[in-house]
């Protein structure tokens, strides 16, 4: 299992959003999620991440970064 850095979107005072570090966890596997639109659901790939406290997050792929392990 590979370690990952997780991110979240945070609202700035000027009403824009910035991606900020949220923590580190362990990548478990890829998953799926969906978002509803007027024309129907849109599916997208996610990452299932286990956090150090045992909680599990299902994050969009742009909200994780794999960390190097030192071996190739």
PDB file of N, CA and C in Angstrom:
ATOM      1  N   UNK A   1       0.844  -1.173   0.000  1.00  0.00           N
ATOM      2  CA  UNK A   1       0.000   0.000   0.000  1.00  0.00           C
ATOM      3  C   UNK A   1       0.892   1.240   0.000  1.00  0.00           C
ATOM      4  N   UNK A   2       0.468   2.242  -0.738  1.00  0.00           N
ATOM      5  CA  UNK A   2       1.279   3.445  -0.877  1.00  0.00           C
ATOM      6  C   UNK A   2       0.719   4.595  -0.060  1.00  0.00           C
ATOM      7  N   UNK A   3       1.630   5.392   0.493  1.00  0.00           N
ATOM      8  CA  UNK A   3       1.223   6.579   1.235  1.00  0.00           C
ATOM      9  C   UNK A   3       0.846   7.682   0.257  1.00  0.00           C
ATOM     10  N   UNK A   4      -0.149   8.460   0.667  1.00  0.00           N
ATOM     11  CA  UNK A   4      -0.603   9.586  -0.151  1.00  0.00           C
ATOM     12  C   UNK A   4      -0.787  10.820   0.721  1.00  0.00           C
ATOM     13  N   UNK A   5      -0.656  11.966   0.088  1.00  0.00           N
ATOM     14  CA  UNK A   5      -0.994  13.241   0.712  1.00  0.00           C
ATOM     15  C   UNK A   5      -2.393  13.574   0.208  1.00  0.00           C
ATOM     16  N   UNK A   6      -3.292  13.981   1.124  1.00  0.00           N
ATOM     17  CA  UNK A   6      -4.651  14.327   0.721  1.00  0.00           C
ATOM     18  C   UNK A   6      -4.834  15.839   0.770  1.00  0.00           C
ATOM     19  N   UNK A   7      -5.738  16.314  -0.069  1.00  0.00           N
ATOM     20  CA  UNK A   7      -6.020  17.737  -0.163  1.00  0.00           C
ATOM     21  C   UNK A   7      -7.507  17.980  -0.004  1.00  0.00           C
ATOM     22  N   UNK A   8      -7.862  19.234   0.251  1.00  0.00           N
ATOM     23  CA  UNK A   8      -9.266  19.650   0.278  1.00  0.00           C
ATOM     24  C   UNK A   8      -9.347  21.054  -0.303  1.00  0.00           C
ATOM     25  N   UNK A   9     -10.542  21.432  -0.736  1.00  0.00           N
ATOM     26  CA  UNK A   9     -10.769  22.774  -1.265  1.00  0.00           C
ATOM     27  C   UNK A   9     -11.207  23.669  -0.121  1.00  0.00           C
ATOM     28  N   UNK A  10     -10.569  24.848  -0.004  1.00  0.00           N
ATOM     29  CA  UNK A  10     -10.882  25.808   1.035  1.00  0.00           C
ATOM     30  C   UNK A  10     -11.266  27.133   0.397  1.00  0.00           C
ATOM     31  N   UNK A  11     -12.340  27.745   0.892  1.00  0.00           N
ATOM     32  CA  UNK A  11     -12.823  29.018   0.345  1.00  0.00           C
ATOM     33  C   UNK A  11     -12.008  30.179   0.911  1.00  0.00           C
ATOM     34  N   UNK A  12     -11.532  31.044   0.029  1.00  0.00           N
ATOM     35  CA  UNK A  12     -10.765  32.222   0.433  1.00  0.00           C
ATOM     36  C   UNK A  12     -11.704  33.395   0.712  1.00  0.00           C
ATOM     37  N   UNK A  13     -11.154  34.450   1.302  1.00  0.00           N
ATOM     38  CA  UNK A  13     -11.956  35.635   1.607  1.00  0.00           C
ATOM     39  C   UNK A  13     -12.519  36.282   0.352  1.00  0.00           C
ATOM     40  N   UNK A  14     -11.818  36.169  -0.781  1.00  0.00           N
ATOM     41  CA  UNK A  14     -12.276  36.777  -2.030  1.00  0.00           C
ATOM     42  C   UNK A  14     -13.204  35.850  -2.822  1.00  0.00           C
ATOM     43  N   UNK A  15     -13.724  34.816  -2.157  1.00  0.00           N
ATOM     44  CA  UNK A  15     -14.690  33.861  -2.718  1.00  0.00           C
ATOM     45  C   UNK A  15     -14.099  32.946  -3.787  1.00  0.00           C
ATOM     46  N   UNK A  16     -12.781  32.861  -3.865  1.00  0.00           N
ATOM     47  CA  UNK A  16     -12.145  31.873  -4.725  1.00  0.00           C
ATOM     48  C   UNK A  16     -11.801  30.665  -3.863  1.00  0.00           C
ATOM     49  N   UNK A  17     -11.377  29.594  -4.505  1.00  0.00           N
ATOM     50  CA  UNK A  17     -11.037  28.377  -3.772  1.00  0.00           C
ATOM     51  C   UNK A  17      -9.574  28.024  -3.987  1.00  0.00           C
ATOM     52  N   UNK A  18      -8.948  27.487  -2.948  1.00  0.00           N
ATOM     53  CA  UNK A  18      -7.565  27.018  -3.026  1.00  0.00           C
ATOM     54  C   UNK A  18      -7.511  25.580  -2.535  1.00  0.00           C
ATOM     55  N   UNK A  19      -6.671  24.788  -3.191  1.00  0.00           N
ATOM     56  CA  UNK A  19      -6.458  23.405  -2.759  1.00  0.00           C
ATOM     57  C   UNK A  19      -5.380  23.417  -1.683  1.00  0.00           C
ATOM     58  N   UNK A  20      -5.697  22.918  -0.480  1.00  0.00           N
ATOM     59  CA  UNK A  20      -4.763  22.914   0.643  1.00  0.00           C
ATOM     60  C   UNK A  20      -4.580  21.483   1.147  1.00  0.00           C
ATOM     61  N   UNK A  21      -3.434  21.221   1.752  1.00  0.00           N
ATOM     62  CA  UNK A  21      -3.125  19.900   2.303  1.00  0.00           C
ATOM     63  C   UNK A  21      -4.074  19.601   3.459  1.00  0.00           C
ATOM     64  N   UNK A  22      -4.616  18.385   3.470  1.00  0.00           N
ATOM     65  CA  UNK A  22      -5.559  17.964   4.501  1.00  0.00           C
ATOM     66  C   UNK A  22      -4.979  16.879   5.403  1.00  0.00           C
ATOM     67  N   UNK A  23      -3.916  16.198   4.969  1.00  0.00           N
ATOM     68  CA  UNK A  23      -3.317  15.147   5.787  1.00  0.00           C
ATOM     69  C   UNK A  23      -2.622  14.116   4.934  1.00  0.00           C
ATOM     70  N   UNK A  24      -2.241  13.019   5.571  1.00  0.00           N
ATOM     71  CA  UNK A  24      -1.622  11.896   4.878  1.00  0.00           C
ATOM     72  C   UNK A  24      -2.352  10.626   5.259  1.00  0.00           C
ATOM     73  N   UNK A  25      -2.406   9.692   4.327  1.00  0.00           N
ATOM     74  CA  UNK A  25      -3.064   8.428   4.567  1.00  0.00           C
ATOM     75  C   UNK A  25      -2.460   7.348   3.695  1.00  0.00           C
ATOM     76  N   UNK A  26      -3.151   6.227   3.600  1.00  0.00           N
ATOM     77  CA  UNK A  26      -2.686   5.085   2.826  1.00  0.00           C
ATOM     78  C   UNK A  26      -3.708   4.789   1.729  1.00  0.00           C
ATOM     79  N   UNK A  27      -3.241   4.693   0.490  1.00  0.00           N
ATOM     80  CA  UNK A  27      -4.101   4.360  -0.634  1.00  0.00           C
ATOM     81  C   UNK A  27      -4.525   2.902  -0.527  1.00  0.00           C
ATOM     82  N   UNK A  28      -5.835   2.648  -0.588  1.00  0.00           N
ATOM     83  CA  UNK A  28      -6.365   1.297  -0.507  1.00  0.00           C
ATOM     84  C   UNK A  28      -6.682   0.760  -1.897  1.00  0.00           C
ATOM     85  N   UNK A  29      -7.483   1.507  -2.666  1.00  0.00           N
ATOM     86  CA  UNK A  29      -7.854   1.086  -4.015  1.00  0.00           C
ATOM     87  C   UNK A  29      -8.580   2.235  -4.708  1.00  0.00           C
ATOM     88  N   UNK A  30      -8.830   2.034  -6.006  1.00  0.00           N
ATOM     89  CA  UNK A  30      -9.645   2.985  -6.748  1.00  0.00           C
ATOM     90  C   UNK A  30     -11.111   2.657  -6.520  1.00  0.00           C
ATOM     91  N   UNK A  31     -11.951   3.680  -6.584  1.00  0.00           N
ATOM     92  CA  UNK A  31     -13.390   3.506  -6.429  1.00  0.00           C
ATOM     93  C   UNK A  31     -14.117   4.359  -7.452  1.00  0.00           C
ATOM     94  N   UNK A  32     -15.410   4.523  -7.259  1.00  0.00           N
ATOM     95  CA  UNK A  32     -16.214   5.366  -8.139  1.00  0.00           C
ATOM     96  C   UNK A  32     -17.181   6.201  -7.312  1.00  0.00           C
ATOM     97  N   UNK A  33     -17.598   7.308  -7.889  1.00  0.00           N
ATOM     98  CA  UNK A  33     -18.614   8.161  -7.286  1.00  0.00           C
ATOM     99  C   UNK A  33     -19.375   8.801  -8.435  1.00  0.00           C
ATOM    100  N   UNK A  34     -20.399   9.555  -8.138  1.00  0.00           N
ATOM    101  CA  UNK A  34     -21.153  10.215  -9.197  1.00  0.00           C
ATOM    102  C   UNK A  34     -21.638  11.573  -8.713  1.00  0.00           C
ATOM    103  N   UNK A  35     -21.971  12.416  -9.664  1.00  0.00           N
ATOM    104  CA  UNK A  35     -22.570  13.707  -9.390  1.00  0.00           C
ATOM    105  C   UNK A  35     -23.808  13.823 -10.270  1.00  0.00           C
ATOM    106  N   UNK A  36     -24.902  14.300  -9.699  1.00  0.00           N
ATOM    107  CA  UNK A  36     -26.151  14.431 -10.446  1.00  0.00           C
ATOM    108  C   UNK A  36     -26.173  15.734 -11.231  1.00  0.00           C
ATOM    109  N   UNK A  37     -26.592  15.652 -12.480  1.00  0.00           N
ATOM    110  CA  UNK A  37     -26.794  16.806 -13.339  1.00  0.00           C
ATOM    111  C   UNK A  37     -28.221  16.764 -13.857  1.00  0.00           C
ATOM    112  N   UNK A  38     -28.663  17.833 -14.500  1.00  0.00           N
ATOM    113  CA  UNK A  38     -30.021  17.860 -15.058  1.00  0.00           C
ATOM    114  C   UNK A  38     -30.229  16.757 -16.085  1.00  0.00           C
ATOM    115  N   UNK A  39     -29.161  16.389 -16.780  1.00  0.00           N
ATOM    116  CA  UNK A  39     -29.255  15.363 -17.812  1.00  0.00           C
ATOM    117  C   UNK A  39     -28.994  13.956 -17.290  1.00  0.00           C
ATOM    118  N   UNK A  40     -28.728  13.829 -15.997  1.00  0.00           N
ATOM    119  CA  UNK A  40     -28.469  12.515 -15.409  1.00  0.00           C
ATOM    120  C   UNK A  40     -27.160  12.489 -14.650  1.00  0.00           C
ATOM    121  N   UNK A  41     -26.786  11.327 -14.133  1.00  0.00           N
ATOM    122  CA  UNK A  41     -25.564  11.237 -13.335  1.00  0.00           C
ATOM    123  C   UNK A  41     -24.304  11.239 -14.194  1.00  0.00           C
ATOM    124  N   UNK A  42     -23.240  11.791 -13.624  1.00  0.00           N
ATOM    125  CA  UNK A  42     -21.922  11.729 -14.246  1.00  0.00           C
ATOM    126  C   UNK A  42     -20.997  10.966 -13.321  1.00  0.00           C
ATOM    127  N   UNK A  43     -20.437   9.859 -13.768  1.00  0.00           N
ATOM    128  CA  UNK A  43     -19.559   9.020 -12.953  1.00  0.00           C
ATOM    129  C   UNK A  43     -18.117   9.484 -13.060  1.00  0.00           C
ATOM    130  N   UNK A  44     -17.345   9.318 -11.967  1.00  0.00           N
ATOM    131  CA  UNK A  44     -15.924   9.620 -11.994  1.00  0.00           C
ATOM    132  C   UNK A  44     -15.166   8.689 -11.049  1.00  0.00           C
ATOM    133  N   UNK A  45     -13.888   8.509 -11.355  1.00  0.00           N
ATOM    134  CA  UNK A  45     -13.030   7.626 -10.561  1.00  0.00           C
ATOM    135  C   UNK A  45     -12.553   8.338  -9.305  1.00  0.00           C
ATOM    136  N   UNK A  46     -12.458   7.596  -8.215  1.00  0.00           N
ATOM    137  CA  UNK A  46     -12.012   8.143  -6.933  1.00  0.00           C
ATOM    138  C   UNK A  46     -10.896   7.274  -6.362  1.00  0.00           C
ATOM    139  N   UNK A  47     -10.339   7.732  -5.270  1.00  0.00           N
ATOM    140  CA  UNK A  47      -9.343   6.964  -4.525  1.00  0.00           C
ATOM    141  C   UNK A  47      -9.884   6.708  -3.125  1.00  0.00           C
ATOM    142  N   UNK A  48      -9.832   5.468  -2.688  1.00  0.00           N
ATOM    143  CA  UNK A  48     -10.233   5.107  -1.330  1.00  0.00           C
ATOM    144  C   UNK A  48      -8.976   5.180  -0.469  1.00  0.00           C
ATOM    145  N   UNK A  49      -9.006   6.060   0.538  1.00  0.00           N
ATOM    146  CA  UNK A  49      -7.842   6.345   1.373  1.00  0.00           C
ATOM    147  C   UNK A  49      -8.165   6.044   2.830  1.00  0.00           C
ATOM    148  N   UNK A  50      -7.287   5.295   3.511  1.00  0.00           N
ATOM    149  CA  UNK A  50      -7.429   5.078   4.955  1.00  0.00           C
ATOM    150  C   UNK A  50      -6.539   6.074   5.672  1.00  0.00           C
ATOM    151  N   UNK A  51      -7.130   6.832   6.599  1.00  0.00           N
ATOM    152  CA  UNK A  51      -6.403   7.837   7.361  1.00  0.00           C
ATOM    153  C   UNK A  51      -5.812   7.189   8.623  1.00  0.00           C
ATOM    154  N   UNK A  52      -4.833   7.838   9.255  1.00  0.00           N
ATOM    155  CA  UNK A  52      -4.185   7.261  10.437  1.00  0.00           C
ATOM    156  C   UNK A  52      -5.138   6.939  11.592  1.00  0.00           C
ATOM    157  N   UNK A  53      -6.262   7.675  11.697  1.00  0.00           N
ATOM    158  CA  UNK A  53      -7.202   7.411  12.789  1.00  0.00           C
ATOM    159  C   UNK A  53      -8.201   6.301  12.454  1.00  0.00           C
ATOM    160  N   UNK A  54      -8.039   5.674  11.270  1.00  0.00           N
ATOM    161  CA  UNK A  54      -8.901   4.568  10.886  1.00  0.00           C
ATOM    162  C   UNK A  54     -10.086   4.971  10.030  1.00  0.00           C
ATOM    163  N   UNK A  55     -10.329   6.263   9.865  1.00  0.00           N
ATOM    164  CA  UNK A  55     -11.419   6.685   9.000  1.00  0.00           C
ATOM    165  C   UNK A  55     -11.033   6.463   7.541  1.00  0.00           C
ATOM    166  N   UNK A  56     -12.037   6.362   6.694  1.00  0.00           N
ATOM    167  CA  UNK A  56     -11.826   6.119   5.271  1.00  0.00           C
ATOM    168  C   UNK A  56     -12.424   7.271   4.484  1.00  0.00           C
ATOM    169  N   UNK A  57     -11.683   7.752   3.489  1.00  0.00           N
ATOM    170  CA  UNK A  57     -12.156   8.822   2.619  1.00  0.00           C
ATOM    171  C   UNK A  57     -12.238   8.306   1.190  1.00  0.00           C
ATOM    172  N   UNK A  58     -13.247   8.765   0.470  1.00  0.00           N
ATOM    173  CA  UNK A  58     -13.420   8.457  -0.939  1.00  0.00           C
ATOM    174  C   UNK A  58     -13.228   9.784  -1.679  1.00  0.00           C
ATOM    175  N   UNK A  59     -12.023  10.039  -2.180  1.00  0.00           N
ATOM    176  CA  UNK A  59     -11.660  11.345  -2.720  1.00  0.00           C
ATOM    177  C   UNK A  59     -11.523  11.318  -4.235  1.00  0.00           C
ATOM    178  N   UNK A  60     -11.875  12.435  -4.858  1.00  0.00           N
ATOM    179  CA  UNK A  60     -11.617  12.592  -6.290  1.00  0.00           C
ATOM    180  C   UNK A  60     -10.106  12.504  -6.509  1.00  0.00           C
ATOM    181  N   UNK A  61      -9.696  11.997  -7.670  1.00  0.00           N
ATOM    182  CA  UNK A  61      -8.275  11.751  -7.917  1.00  0.00           C
ATOM    183  C   UNK A  61      -7.423  13.015  -7.868  1.00  0.00           C
ATOM    184  N   UNK A  62      -8.006  14.181  -8.172  1.00  0.00           N
ATOM    185  CA  UNK A  62      -7.214  15.410  -8.119  1.00  0.00           C
ATOM    186  C   UNK A  62      -6.977  15.889  -6.691  1.00  0.00           C
ATOM    187  N   UNK A  63      -7.500  15.162  -5.691  1.00  0.00           N
ATOM    188  CA  UNK A  63      -7.303  15.530  -4.292  1.00  0.00           C
ATOM    189  C   UNK A  63      -6.340  14.605  -3.563  1.00  0.00           C
ATOM    190  N   UNK A  64      -5.559  13.826  -4.315  1.00  0.00           N
ATOM    191  CA  UNK A  64      -4.518  13.005  -3.693  1.00  0.00           C
ATOM    192  C   UNK A  64      -3.214  13.177  -4.463  1.00  0.00           C
ATOM    193  N   UNK A  65      -2.118  12.892  -3.770  1.00  0.00           N
ATOM    194  CA  UNK A  65      -0.794  12.881  -4.390  1.00  0.00           C
ATOM    195  C   UNK A  65      -0.031  11.704  -3.797  1.00  0.00           C
ATOM    196  N   UNK A  66       0.413  10.776  -4.649  1.00  0.00           N
ATOM    197  CA  UNK A  66       1.209   9.654  -4.155  1.00  0.00           C
ATOM    198  C   UNK A  66       2.563  10.166  -3.698  1.00  0.00           C
ATOM    199  N   UNK A  67       3.027   9.678  -2.546  1.00  0.00           N
ATOM    200  CA  UNK A  67       4.321  10.068  -2.019  1.00  0.00           C
ATOM    201  C   UNK A  67       5.365   9.046  -2.438  1.00  0.00           C
ATOM    202  N   UNK A  68       6.570   9.514  -2.687  1.00  0.00           N
ATOM    203  CA  UNK A  68       7.632   8.592  -3.098  1.00  0.00           C
ATOM    204  C   UNK A  68       8.024   7.736  -1.912  1.00  0.00           C
ATOM    205  N   UNK A  69       8.372   6.492  -2.223  1.00  0.00           N
ATOM    206  CA  UNK A  69       8.712   5.544  -1.162  1.00  0.00           C
ATOM    207  C   UNK A  69      10.218   5.320  -1.060  1.00  0.00           C
ATOM    208  N   UNK A  70      10.992   5.882  -1.981  1.00  0.00           N
ATOM    209  CA  UNK A  70      12.431   5.713  -1.955  1.00  0.00           C
ATOM    210  C   UNK A  70      12.908   4.520  -2.752  1.00  0.00           C
ATOM    211  N   UNK A  71      11.988   3.657  -3.194  1.00  0.00           N
ATOM    212  CA  UNK A  71      12.364   2.525  -4.021  1.00  0.00           C
ATOM    213  C   UNK A  71      11.630   2.614  -5.349  1.00  0.00           C
ATOM    214  N   UNK A  72      12.230   2.036  -6.398  1.00  0.00           N
ATOM    215  CA  UNK A  72      11.605   2.116  -7.715  1.00  0.00           C
ATOM    216  C   UNK A  72      11.246   0.741  -8.227  1.00  0.00           C
TER     217      UNK A  72
END
